């Protein structure tokens, strides 16, 4: 599934775009699910916790900016 790139979290990884064959920088949340798994594979728990905290901060900032409540 192709996701619209939003570049929200600022957590960038190198990614080979299968459509163009070119390497590009893409934020974690804009990577395909399979590539997210590749990025996390072999990382220690502290790295994954750090990723989760940064993504949580991004969600919080977006919620605060747009006054979103669920």
Protein backbone atom coordinates (compact mmCIF):
# COMPACT_ATOMS: atom_id res chain seq x y z
CA UNK A 1 0.00 0.00 0.00
CA UNK A 2 1.41 3.36 -1.01
CA UNK A 3 1.14 5.96 1.71
CA UNK A 4 0.99 9.69 1.14
CA UNK A 5 4.20 11.10 2.57
CA UNK A 6 3.51 13.47 5.42
CA UNK A 7 6.99 13.72 7.03
CA UNK A 8 5.59 14.35 10.51
CA UNK A 9 7.90 12.65 13.01
CA UNK A 10 11.30 13.72 11.68
CA UNK A 11 12.61 10.16 12.24
CA UNK A 12 14.25 9.53 8.86
CA UNK A 13 15.64 6.33 7.34
CA UNK A 14 17.15 5.54 3.96
CA UNK A 15 14.64 3.74 1.77
CA UNK A 16 14.82 2.26 -1.73
CA UNK A 17 11.71 3.36 -3.57
CA UNK A 18 10.56 0.33 -5.57
CA UNK A 19 8.71 2.53 -8.08
CA UNK A 20 11.75 4.62 -9.01
CA UNK A 21 14.59 2.33 -7.92
CA UNK A 22 16.19 5.32 -6.18
CA UNK A 23 17.27 5.71 -2.57
CA UNK A 24 15.46 8.41 -0.63
CA UNK A 25 14.99 9.62 2.92
CA UNK A 26 11.61 8.73 4.39
CA UNK A 27 10.22 9.11 7.91
CA UNK A 28 9.35 5.97 9.84
CA UNK A 29 5.57 6.39 9.67
CA UNK A 30 5.69 6.89 5.88
CA UNK A 31 7.62 3.67 5.26
CA UNK A 32 5.71 0.60 4.06
CA UNK A 33 4.89 -1.77 6.96
CA UNK A 34 7.39 -4.34 5.66
CA UNK A 35 10.17 -1.73 5.66
CA UNK A 36 9.22 -0.62 9.19
CA UNK A 37 9.80 -4.24 10.26
CA UNK A 38 13.22 -4.22 8.55
CA UNK A 39 14.18 -0.98 10.33
CA UNK A 40 13.24 -2.38 13.75
CA UNK A 41 14.72 -5.86 13.24
CA UNK A 42 17.64 -6.52 15.56
CA UNK A 43 17.26 -3.26 17.49
CA UNK A 44 17.43 -3.45 21.25
CA UNK A 45 14.43 -2.67 23.43
CA UNK A 46 15.77 0.77 24.40
CA UNK A 47 15.94 1.79 20.73
CA UNK A 48 12.36 0.63 20.14
CA UNK A 49 11.20 2.46 23.30
CA UNK A 50 12.91 5.61 22.08
CA UNK A 51 11.16 5.29 18.72
CA UNK A 52 7.78 4.81 20.43
CA UNK A 53 8.34 7.86 22.67
CA UNK A 54 9.26 10.09 19.73
CA UNK A 55 6.19 8.92 17.78
CA UNK A 56 4.05 9.56 20.88
CA UNK A 57 5.48 13.10 21.10
CA UNK A 58 4.59 13.67 17.45
CA UNK A 59 1.01 12.50 18.04
CA UNK A 60 0.74 14.75 21.07
CA UNK A 61 2.07 17.77 19.15
CA UNK A 62 -0.43 17.19 16.33
CA UNK A 63 -3.28 16.80 18.82
CA UNK A 64 -2.25 20.00 20.61
CA UNK A 65 -1.86 21.94 17.35
CA UNK A 66 -5.32 21.02 16.09
CA UNK A 67 -7.06 20.66 19.45
CA UNK A 68 -7.94 17.03 18.70
CA UNK A 69 -9.64 15.02 21.42
CA UNK A 70 -11.06 11.52 21.12
